Amino acid sequence: MYAIVEIAGQQFKVAKDQKVYVHRLPEAEGSKVTFDKVMLIDDNGSVTIGAPAIEGAGVTAKILGHLKGDKVIVFKKKRRKGYKKKNGHRQYLSEIQIENIAASGVKAAKKAAPKKEEAKAEPAKEANTETKELGSMTVAELKALAKERGITGYTSLKKAELIEALSK
């Protein structure tokens, strides 16, 4: 089982018990962190893809330590001008170990607020369901429409668009 998750602004392919070096995290060494921006989960061949992230999915990791990366030399020069500049940089990193990949059951405080807004918006969408444009549909409605038309991924979506364009 592996997952593609966004950690500190970068995407990583992670598996259970894997050690990963990421940009410095603000938490202390030895603490556990949960990353809820999971883009993809592969569980023995069954692939789940988020749009852009999978709701309820999460990756739990333990911070093993904070360290600095290897030194990178930045050398700038302009020929025949006498300009030379040499700088070095060491990136601050955190070493984490992936403890668990959960496909569902991870709750986030951010996701509770939008559900209340969806409940308020429901009476308005029932009144005008036939003439609704794709831009004004919610993610849940778009997923239901895609499932109804047999669209499972990007390739089948492009095929459906092509067939629709040719039929007009």
N, C-alpha and C. Protein backbone atom coordinates (compact mmCIF):
# COMPACT_ATOMS: atom_id res chain seq x y z
N MET A 1 0.86 -1.18 0.00
CA MET A 1 0.00 0.00 0.00
C MET A 1 0.90 1.24 0.00
N TYR A 2 0.60 2.17 -0.90
CA TYR A 2 1.33 3.42 -0.91
C TYR A 2 0.36 4.57 -1.15
N ALA A 3 0.84 5.79 -0.91
CA ALA A 3 0.02 6.98 -1.10
C ALA A 3 0.89 8.11 -1.63
N ILE A 4 0.27 9.01 -2.36
CA ILE A 4 0.93 10.25 -2.77
C ILE A 4 0.31 11.35 -1.92
N VAL A 5 1.16 12.01 -1.12
CA VAL A 5 0.67 12.96 -0.13
C VAL A 5 1.47 14.26 -0.25
N GLU A 6 0.80 15.37 0.06
CA GLU A 6 1.48 16.67 0.05
C GLU A 6 1.97 16.97 1.47
N ILE A 7 3.28 17.14 1.59
CA ILE A 7 3.91 17.44 2.88
C ILE A 7 4.77 18.68 2.69
N ALA A 8 4.49 19.72 3.45
CA ALA A 8 5.28 20.96 3.44
C ALA A 8 5.46 21.52 2.03
N GLY A 9 4.38 21.49 1.24
CA GLY A 9 4.41 22.09 -0.09
C GLY A 9 4.97 21.21 -1.19
N GLN A 10 5.36 19.97 -0.89
CA GLN A 10 5.87 19.06 -1.89
C GLN A 10 5.08 17.76 -1.84
N GLN A 11 5.03 17.05 -2.98
CA GLN A 11 4.33 15.78 -3.04
C GLN A 11 5.33 14.64 -2.95
N PHE A 12 4.98 13.64 -2.12
CA PHE A 12 5.85 12.48 -1.91
C PHE A 12 5.04 11.21 -2.10
N LYS A 13 5.69 10.19 -2.65
CA LYS A 13 5.12 8.84 -2.69
C LYS A 13 5.64 8.13 -1.45
N VAL A 14 4.73 7.76 -0.55
CA VAL A 14 5.13 7.18 0.73
C VAL A 14 4.46 5.82 0.95
N ALA A 15 5.14 4.98 1.71
CA ALA A 15 4.62 3.68 2.11
C ALA A 15 4.83 3.54 3.61
N LYS A 16 4.17 2.56 4.21
CA LYS A 16 4.28 2.35 5.65
C LYS A 16 5.73 2.02 6.02
N ASP A 17 6.19 2.55 7.15
CA ASP A 17 7.53 2.37 7.71
C ASP A 17 8.65 2.98 6.86
N GLN A 18 8.31 3.84 5.89
CA GLN A 18 9.31 4.50 5.06
C GLN A 18 9.81 5.77 5.76
N LYS A 19 11.09 6.06 5.63
CA LYS A 19 11.66 7.29 6.17
C LYS A 19 11.80 8.29 5.04
N VAL A 20 11.38 9.54 5.30
CA VAL A 20 11.38 10.58 4.27
C VAL A 20 11.98 11.85 4.87
N TYR A 21 12.79 12.55 4.08
CA TYR A 21 13.30 13.86 4.46
C TYR A 21 12.43 14.92 3.80
N VAL A 22 11.83 15.79 4.60
CA VAL A 22 10.95 16.84 4.10
C VAL A 22 11.44 18.19 4.62
N HIS A 23 10.89 19.27 4.05
CA HIS A 23 11.22 20.60 4.57
C HIS A 23 10.86 20.65 6.05
N ARG A 24 11.57 21.47 6.81
CA ARG A 24 11.43 21.53 8.26
C ARG A 24 9.98 21.72 8.68
N LEU A 25 9.51 20.86 9.57
CA LEU A 25 8.17 20.95 10.13
C LEU A 25 8.24 21.65 11.48
N PRO A 26 7.20 22.42 11.86
CA PRO A 26 7.27 23.19 13.11
C PRO A 26 7.12 22.34 14.37
N GLU A 27 6.65 21.11 14.28
CA GLU A 27 6.44 20.27 15.46
C GLU A 27 7.77 19.79 16.04
N ALA A 28 7.75 19.37 17.30
CA ALA A 28 8.96 18.93 17.99
C ALA A 28 9.32 17.50 17.59
N GLU A 29 10.59 17.15 17.83
CA GLU A 29 11.04 15.79 17.56
C GLU A 29 10.27 14.80 18.44
N GLY A 30 9.92 13.66 17.88
CA GLY A 30 9.19 12.64 18.63
C GLY A 30 7.68 12.80 18.56
N SER A 31 7.18 13.93 18.06
CA SER A 31 5.73 14.12 17.99
C SER A 31 5.18 13.48 16.71
N LYS A 32 3.89 13.24 16.74
CA LYS A 32 3.21 12.64 15.58
C LYS A 32 2.46 13.72 14.82
N VAL A 33 2.49 13.61 13.49
CA VAL A 33 1.79 14.56 12.62
C VAL A 33 0.90 13.80 11.66
N THR A 34 -0.21 14.41 11.28
CA THR A 34 -1.13 13.82 10.32
C THR A 34 -1.23 14.75 9.13
N PHE A 35 -1.05 14.20 7.94
CA PHE A 35 -1.15 14.95 6.70
C PHE A 35 -2.45 14.53 6.02
N ASP A 36 -3.36 15.49 5.79
CA ASP A 36 -4.66 15.15 5.23
C ASP A 36 -4.78 15.45 3.74
N LYS A 37 -3.75 16.00 3.12
CA LYS A 37 -3.79 16.25 1.67
C LYS A 37 -3.24 15.04 0.93
N VAL A 38 -4.05 13.98 0.88
CA VAL A 38 -3.66 12.74 0.21
C VAL A 38 -4.25 12.77 -1.19
N MET A 39 -3.38 12.75 -2.20
CA MET A 39 -3.82 12.85 -3.59
C MET A 39 -4.23 11.51 -4.18
N LEU A 40 -3.55 10.42 -3.75
CA LEU A 40 -3.79 9.10 -4.34
C LEU A 40 -3.45 8.03 -3.31
N ILE A 41 -4.24 6.97 -3.31
CA ILE A 41 -3.95 5.81 -2.47
C ILE A 41 -4.06 4.56 -3.33
N ASP A 42 -3.04 3.71 -3.28
CA ASP A 42 -3.06 2.42 -3.98
C ASP A 42 -3.03 1.33 -2.93
N ASP A 43 -4.11 0.58 -2.84
CA ASP A 43 -4.22 -0.51 -1.86
C ASP A 43 -4.28 -1.83 -2.60
N ASN A 44 -3.10 -2.39 -2.89
CA ASN A 44 -2.97 -3.67 -3.60
C ASN A 44 -3.74 -3.68 -4.93
N GLY A 45 -3.54 -2.67 -5.74
CA GLY A 45 -4.16 -2.63 -7.06
C GLY A 45 -5.41 -1.79 -7.15
N SER A 46 -6.11 -1.54 -6.06
CA SER A 46 -7.28 -0.66 -6.13
C SER A 46 -6.83 0.77 -5.86
N VAL A 47 -6.91 1.59 -6.88
CA VAL A 47 -6.40 2.96 -6.82
C VAL A 47 -7.55 3.92 -6.57
N THR A 48 -7.36 4.82 -5.59
CA THR A 48 -8.33 5.87 -5.30
C THR A 48 -7.63 7.20 -5.58
N ILE A 49 -8.26 8.02 -6.43
CA ILE A 49 -7.68 9.31 -6.80
C ILE A 49 -8.58 10.41 -6.28
N GLY A 50 -7.98 11.42 -5.68
CA GLY A 50 -8.73 12.55 -5.16
C GLY A 50 -8.84 13.66 -6.18
N ALA A 51 -9.75 14.58 -5.92
CA ALA A 51 -9.93 15.72 -6.81
C ALA A 51 -10.03 16.99 -5.98
N PRO A 52 -9.01 17.64 -5.56
CA PRO A 52 -7.60 17.30 -5.65
C PRO A 52 -7.13 16.36 -4.55
N ALA A 53 -7.83 16.29 -3.42
CA ALA A 53 -7.42 15.40 -2.33
C ALA A 53 -8.58 14.47 -1.96
N ILE A 54 -8.24 13.33 -1.38
CA ILE A 54 -9.25 12.36 -0.96
C ILE A 54 -9.78 12.78 0.39
N GLU A 55 -11.10 12.95 0.48
CA GLU A 55 -11.71 13.38 1.74
C GLU A 55 -11.66 12.25 2.76
N GLY A 56 -11.26 12.58 3.98
CA GLY A 56 -11.22 11.61 5.05
C GLY A 56 -9.94 10.78 5.10
N ALA A 57 -9.11 10.87 4.07
CA ALA A 57 -7.87 10.10 4.05
C ALA A 57 -6.77 10.87 4.77
N GLY A 58 -5.82 10.14 5.31
CA GLY A 58 -4.73 10.79 6.01
C GLY A 58 -3.53 9.88 6.15
N VAL A 59 -2.38 10.51 6.30
CA VAL A 59 -1.13 9.79 6.52
C VAL A 59 -0.56 10.26 7.84
N THR A 60 -0.29 9.31 8.75
CA THR A 60 0.26 9.64 10.06
C THR A 60 1.75 9.32 10.05
N ALA A 61 2.54 10.27 10.60
CA ALA A 61 3.99 10.08 10.62
C ALA A 61 4.54 10.56 11.96
N LYS A 62 5.73 10.05 12.29
CA LYS A 62 6.42 10.45 13.52
C LYS A 62 7.69 11.20 13.10
N ILE A 63 7.94 12.34 13.74
CA ILE A 63 9.13 13.13 13.43
C ILE A 63 10.30 12.51 14.19
N LEU A 64 11.28 12.01 13.43
CA LEU A 64 12.44 11.36 14.03
C LEU A 64 13.51 12.38 14.43
N GLY A 65 13.63 13.45 13.67
CA GLY A 65 14.64 14.45 14.01
C GLY A 65 14.65 15.61 13.04
N HIS A 66 15.30 16.70 13.47
CA HIS A 66 15.49 17.88 12.63
C HIS A 66 16.98 17.97 12.31
N LEU A 67 17.30 18.26 11.07
CA LEU A 67 18.69 18.32 10.65
C LEU A 67 18.86 19.29 9.49
N LYS A 68 20.09 19.42 9.02
CA LYS A 68 20.39 20.26 7.87
C LYS A 68 20.87 19.38 6.73
N GLY A 69 20.49 19.74 5.51
CA GLY A 69 20.89 18.98 4.34
C GLY A 69 22.33 19.27 3.95
N ASP A 70 22.78 18.64 2.87
CA ASP A 70 24.13 18.86 2.37
C ASP A 70 24.27 20.29 1.87
N LYS A 71 25.51 20.78 1.89
CA LYS A 71 25.77 22.13 1.45
C LYS A 71 25.72 22.20 -0.08
N VAL A 72 25.03 23.22 -0.57
CA VAL A 72 24.94 23.47 -2.00
C VAL A 72 25.70 24.77 -2.27
N ILE A 73 26.66 24.71 -3.19
CA ILE A 73 27.45 25.90 -3.52
C ILE A 73 26.78 26.64 -4.67
N VAL A 74 26.57 27.95 -4.48
CA VAL A 74 25.99 28.80 -5.52
C VAL A 74 27.10 29.76 -5.95
N PHE A 75 27.58 29.59 -7.18
CA PHE A 75 28.67 30.43 -7.67
C PHE A 75 28.19 31.22 -8.88
N LYS A 76 28.28 32.53 -8.78
CA LYS A 76 27.87 33.41 -9.87
C LYS A 76 29.10 34.14 -10.41
N LYS A 77 29.19 34.24 -11.73
CA LYS A 77 30.33 34.91 -12.35
C LYS A 77 29.90 35.55 -13.66
N LYS A 78 30.42 36.74 -13.91
CA LYS A 78 30.23 37.39 -15.21
C LYS A 78 31.62 37.59 -15.80
N ARG A 79 31.83 36.99 -16.93
CA ARG A 79 33.18 37.02 -17.50
C ARG A 79 33.57 38.43 -17.96
N ARG A 80 34.84 38.69 -17.83
CA ARG A 80 35.46 39.97 -18.23
C ARG A 80 34.95 41.16 -17.44
N LYS A 81 34.22 40.96 -16.38
CA LYS A 81 33.68 42.06 -15.58
C LYS A 81 34.25 42.08 -14.17
N GLY A 82 34.97 41.05 -13.79
CA GLY A 82 35.54 40.99 -12.46
C GLY A 82 34.51 40.68 -11.38
N TYR A 83 33.35 40.14 -11.78
CA TYR A 83 32.28 39.84 -10.82
C TYR A 83 32.28 38.36 -10.50
N LYS A 84 32.50 38.03 -9.24
CA LYS A 84 32.41 36.65 -8.76
C LYS A 84 31.71 36.68 -7.41
N LYS A 85 30.78 35.77 -7.22
CA LYS A 85 30.05 35.70 -5.95
C LYS A 85 29.89 34.22 -5.61
N LYS A 86 30.33 33.84 -4.42
CA LYS A 86 30.22 32.45 -3.99
C LYS A 86 29.40 32.41 -2.71
N ASN A 87 28.32 31.68 -2.75
CA ASN A 87 27.46 31.50 -1.58
C ASN A 87 27.22 30.01 -1.35
N GLY A 88 26.92 29.67 -0.12
CA GLY A 88 26.55 28.31 0.22
C GLY A 88 25.19 28.30 0.89
N HIS A 89 24.51 27.15 0.78
CA HIS A 89 23.18 27.04 1.40
C HIS A 89 23.01 25.63 1.94
N ARG A 90 22.47 25.53 3.16
CA ARG A 90 22.10 24.23 3.74
C ARG A 90 20.63 24.29 4.12
N GLN A 91 19.82 23.43 3.52
CA GLN A 91 18.38 23.41 3.73
C GLN A 91 18.06 22.76 5.08
N TYR A 92 17.14 23.37 5.83
CA TYR A 92 16.65 22.78 7.07
C TYR A 92 15.65 21.68 6.73
N LEU A 93 15.86 20.49 7.27
CA LEU A 93 15.03 19.34 6.95
C LEU A 93 14.50 18.69 8.22
N SER A 94 13.44 17.90 8.05
CA SER A 94 12.93 17.04 9.12
C SER A 94 12.88 15.62 8.57
N GLU A 95 13.33 14.67 9.37
CA GLU A 95 13.25 13.27 8.99
C GLU A 95 12.00 12.69 9.65
N ILE A 96 11.10 12.15 8.82
CA ILE A 96 9.87 11.57 9.36
C ILE A 96 9.79 10.11 8.94
N GLN A 97 9.06 9.33 9.75
CA GLN A 97 8.80 7.94 9.43
C GLN A 97 7.30 7.75 9.33
N ILE A 98 6.84 7.21 8.22
CA ILE A 98 5.42 7.00 7.98
C ILE A 98 4.95 5.83 8.84
N GLU A 99 3.92 6.08 9.66
CA GLU A 99 3.42 5.04 10.54
C GLU A 99 2.14 4.39 10.03
N ASN A 100 1.28 5.19 9.39
CA ASN A 100 -0.03 4.65 8.99
C ASN A 100 -0.55 5.42 7.79
N ILE A 101 -1.21 4.70 6.89
CA ILE A 101 -1.91 5.31 5.76
C ILE A 101 -3.37 4.90 5.89
N ALA A 102 -4.25 5.88 6.14
CA ALA A 102 -5.67 5.59 6.33
C ALA A 102 -6.46 6.13 5.14
N ALA A 103 -7.25 5.25 4.51
CA ALA A 103 -8.06 5.68 3.37
C ALA A 103 -9.29 6.45 3.81
N SER A 104 -9.75 6.24 5.04
CA SER A 104 -10.91 6.97 5.55
C SER A 104 -10.82 7.00 7.07
N GLY A 105 -11.62 7.88 7.67
CA GLY A 105 -11.68 7.93 9.12
C GLY A 105 -10.86 9.04 9.74
N VAL A 106 -10.11 9.79 8.95
CA VAL A 106 -9.33 10.90 9.49
C VAL A 106 -10.18 12.14 9.40
N LYS A 107 -10.41 12.79 10.54
CA LYS A 107 -11.25 13.98 10.56
C LYS A 107 -10.37 15.21 10.69
N ALA A 108 -10.77 16.26 10.00
CA ALA A 108 -10.04 17.52 10.08
C ALA A 108 -11.01 18.62 10.46
N ALA A 109 -10.56 19.57 11.24
CA ALA A 109 -11.42 20.67 11.68
C ALA A 109 -11.84 21.56 10.52
N LYS A 110 -10.98 21.66 9.49
CA LYS A 110 -11.28 22.51 8.34
C LYS A 110 -12.48 21.99 7.55
N LYS A 111 -12.65 20.69 7.51
CA LYS A 111 -13.66 20.11 6.65
C LYS A 111 -15.06 20.14 7.26
N ALA A 112 -15.18 20.48 8.53
CA ALA A 112 -16.50 20.52 9.17
C ALA A 112 -17.26 21.78 8.75
N ALA A 113 -16.60 22.88 8.55
CA ALA A 113 -17.27 24.14 8.21
C ALA A 113 -17.93 24.11 6.83
N PRO A 114 -17.30 23.60 5.76
CA PRO A 114 -17.95 23.60 4.45
C PRO A 114 -19.22 22.75 4.40
N LYS A 115 -19.34 21.73 5.24
CA LYS A 115 -20.54 20.90 5.22
C LYS A 115 -21.78 21.72 5.62
N LYS A 116 -21.62 22.67 6.52
CA LYS A 116 -22.74 23.52 6.91
C LYS A 116 -23.18 24.40 5.74
N GLU A 117 -22.21 24.87 4.95
CA GLU A 117 -22.54 25.69 3.79
C GLU A 117 -23.28 24.89 2.74
N GLU A 118 -22.90 23.61 2.57
CA GLU A 118 -23.58 22.75 1.60
C GLU A 118 -25.04 22.54 2.00
N ALA A 119 -25.30 22.42 3.29
CA ALA A 119 -26.67 22.22 3.76
C ALA A 119 -27.52 23.44 3.45
N LYS A 120 -26.96 24.63 3.55
CA LYS A 120 -27.69 25.84 3.23
C LYS A 120 -27.95 25.96 1.74
N ALA A 121 -27.01 25.46 0.92
CA ALA A 121 -27.12 25.61 -0.53
C ALA A 121 -28.06 24.58 -1.15
N GLU A 122 -28.42 23.51 -0.46
CA GLU A 122 -29.24 22.46 -1.03
C GLU A 122 -30.62 22.92 -1.51
N PRO A 123 -31.40 23.71 -0.76
CA PRO A 123 -32.71 24.12 -1.27
C PRO A 123 -32.62 24.90 -2.58
N ALA A 124 -31.59 25.67 -2.77
CA ALA A 124 -31.45 26.45 -4.00
C ALA A 124 -31.14 25.56 -5.19
N LYS A 125 -30.34 24.52 -4.99
CA LYS A 125 -29.98 23.68 -6.13
C LYS A 125 -31.14 22.76 -6.56
N GLU A 126 -32.06 22.42 -5.68
CA GLU A 126 -33.19 21.59 -6.05
C GLU A 126 -34.15 22.32 -6.98
N ALA A 127 -34.25 23.63 -6.84
CA ALA A 127 -35.19 24.40 -7.64
C ALA A 127 -34.78 24.45 -9.11
N ASN A 128 -33.48 24.40 -9.40
CA ASN A 128 -33.02 24.59 -10.76
C ASN A 128 -32.03 23.50 -11.15
N THR A 129 -32.44 22.24 -11.16
CA THR A 129 -31.53 21.14 -11.44
C THR A 129 -31.35 20.89 -12.93
N GLU A 130 -32.36 21.16 -13.74
CA GLU A 130 -32.28 20.84 -15.16
C GLU A 130 -31.39 21.79 -15.94
N THR A 131 -31.38 23.07 -15.59
CA THR A 131 -30.62 24.05 -16.36
C THR A 131 -29.32 24.44 -15.68
N LYS A 132 -28.79 23.60 -14.83
CA LYS A 132 -27.59 23.92 -14.08
C LYS A 132 -26.34 23.74 -14.95
N GLU A 133 -25.41 24.68 -14.87
CA GLU A 133 -24.18 24.59 -15.62
C GLU A 133 -23.12 23.87 -14.78
N LEU A 134 -22.10 23.34 -15.44
CA LEU A 134 -21.05 22.61 -14.72
C LEU A 134 -20.30 23.49 -13.74
N GLY A 135 -20.11 24.77 -14.06
CA GLY A 135 -19.37 25.67 -13.19
C GLY A 135 -20.05 25.93 -11.87
N SER A 136 -21.38 25.79 -11.81
CA SER A 136 -22.10 26.07 -10.57
C SER A 136 -22.41 24.81 -9.77
N MET A 137 -21.97 23.64 -10.24
CA MET A 137 -22.25 22.39 -9.53
C MET A 137 -21.21 22.16 -8.43
N THR A 138 -21.64 21.48 -7.36
CA THR A 138 -20.71 21.14 -6.29
C THR A 138 -19.90 19.91 -6.69
N VAL A 139 -18.86 19.63 -5.92
CA VAL A 139 -18.00 18.49 -6.22
C VAL A 139 -18.79 17.18 -6.11
N ALA A 140 -19.66 17.09 -5.13
CA ALA A 140 -20.46 15.88 -4.94
C ALA A 140 -21.38 15.65 -6.14
N GLU A 141 -21.99 16.74 -6.64
CA GLU A 141 -22.87 16.62 -7.81
C GLU A 141 -22.08 16.19 -9.05
N LEU A 142 -20.87 16.76 -9.23
CA LEU A 142 -20.04 16.40 -10.37
C LEU A 142 -19.60 14.94 -10.30
N LYS A 143 -19.25 14.47 -9.11
CA LYS A 143 -18.86 13.07 -8.96
C LYS A 143 -20.04 12.14 -9.27
N ALA A 144 -21.24 12.52 -8.81
CA ALA A 144 -22.42 11.71 -9.09
C ALA A 144 -22.72 11.69 -10.59
N LEU A 145 -22.57 12.83 -11.25
CA LEU A 145 -22.79 12.91 -12.69
C LEU A 145 -21.77 12.07 -13.45
N ALA A 146 -20.50 12.12 -13.02
CA ALA A 146 -19.46 11.33 -13.66
C ALA A 146 -19.72 9.84 -13.48
N LYS A 147 -20.15 9.44 -12.27
CA LYS A 147 -20.44 8.03 -12.01
C LYS A 147 -21.62 7.55 -12.86
N GLU A 148 -22.61 8.43 -13.00
CA GLU A 148 -23.79 8.11 -13.79
C GLU A 148 -23.44 7.89 -15.26
N ARG A 149 -22.48 8.65 -15.76
CA ARG A 149 -22.07 8.54 -17.18
C ARG A 149 -20.93 7.56 -17.39
N GLY A 150 -20.43 6.92 -16.33
CA GLY A 150 -19.39 5.92 -16.46
C GLY A 150 -18.00 6.50 -16.59
N ILE A 151 -17.78 7.71 -16.10
CA ILE A 151 -16.47 8.34 -16.17
C ILE A 151 -15.72 7.99 -14.90
N THR A 152 -14.60 7.29 -15.05
CA THR A 152 -13.84 6.85 -13.88
C THR A 152 -12.52 7.58 -13.72
N GLY A 153 -12.00 8.19 -14.76
CA GLY A 153 -10.72 8.88 -14.67
C GLY A 153 -10.58 9.92 -15.75
N TYR A 154 -9.37 10.45 -15.87
CA TYR A 154 -9.12 11.53 -16.82
C TYR A 154 -9.30 11.07 -18.26
N THR A 155 -8.83 9.86 -18.59
CA THR A 155 -8.92 9.37 -19.96
C THR A 155 -10.36 9.20 -20.39
N SER A 156 -11.20 8.60 -19.53
CA SER A 156 -12.60 8.41 -19.90
C SER A 156 -13.33 9.74 -19.95
N LEU A 157 -12.88 10.73 -19.16
CA LEU A 157 -13.46 12.06 -19.22
C LEU A 157 -13.17 12.70 -20.57
N LYS A 158 -11.93 12.59 -21.06
CA LYS A 158 -11.56 13.16 -22.36
C LYS A 158 -12.34 12.47 -23.49
N LYS A 159 -12.52 11.15 -23.39
CA LYS A 159 -13.29 10.43 -24.40
C LYS A 159 -14.74 10.90 -24.41
N ALA A 160 -15.32 11.12 -23.22
CA ALA A 160 -16.70 11.59 -23.12
C ALA A 160 -16.84 12.98 -23.71
N GLU A 161 -15.86 13.86 -23.46
CA GLU A 161 -15.89 15.21 -24.04
C GLU A 161 -15.80 15.16 -25.55
N LEU A 162 -14.95 14.26 -26.07
CA LEU A 162 -14.79 14.13 -27.51
C LEU A 162 -16.08 13.63 -28.16
N ILE A 163 -16.70 12.62 -27.55
CA ILE A 163 -17.97 12.10 -28.09
C ILE A 163 -19.04 13.16 -28.06
N GLU A 164 -19.11 13.93 -26.97
CA GLU A 164 -20.10 15.00 -26.86
C GLU A 164 -19.86 16.08 -27.90
N ALA A 165 -18.58 16.41 -28.16
CA ALA A 165 -18.26 17.44 -29.15
C ALA A 165 -18.59 16.98 -30.56
N LEU A 166 -18.37 15.70 -30.87
CA LEU A 166 -18.66 15.18 -32.19
C LEU A 166 -20.16 15.04 -32.43
N SER A 167 -20.94 14.84 -31.37
CA SER A 167 -22.39 14.65 -31.54
C SER A 167 -23.11 15.99 -31.75
N LYS A 168 -22.46 17.12 -31.49
CA LYS A 168 -23.12 18.42 -31.66
C LYS A 168 -23.07 18.89 -33.09
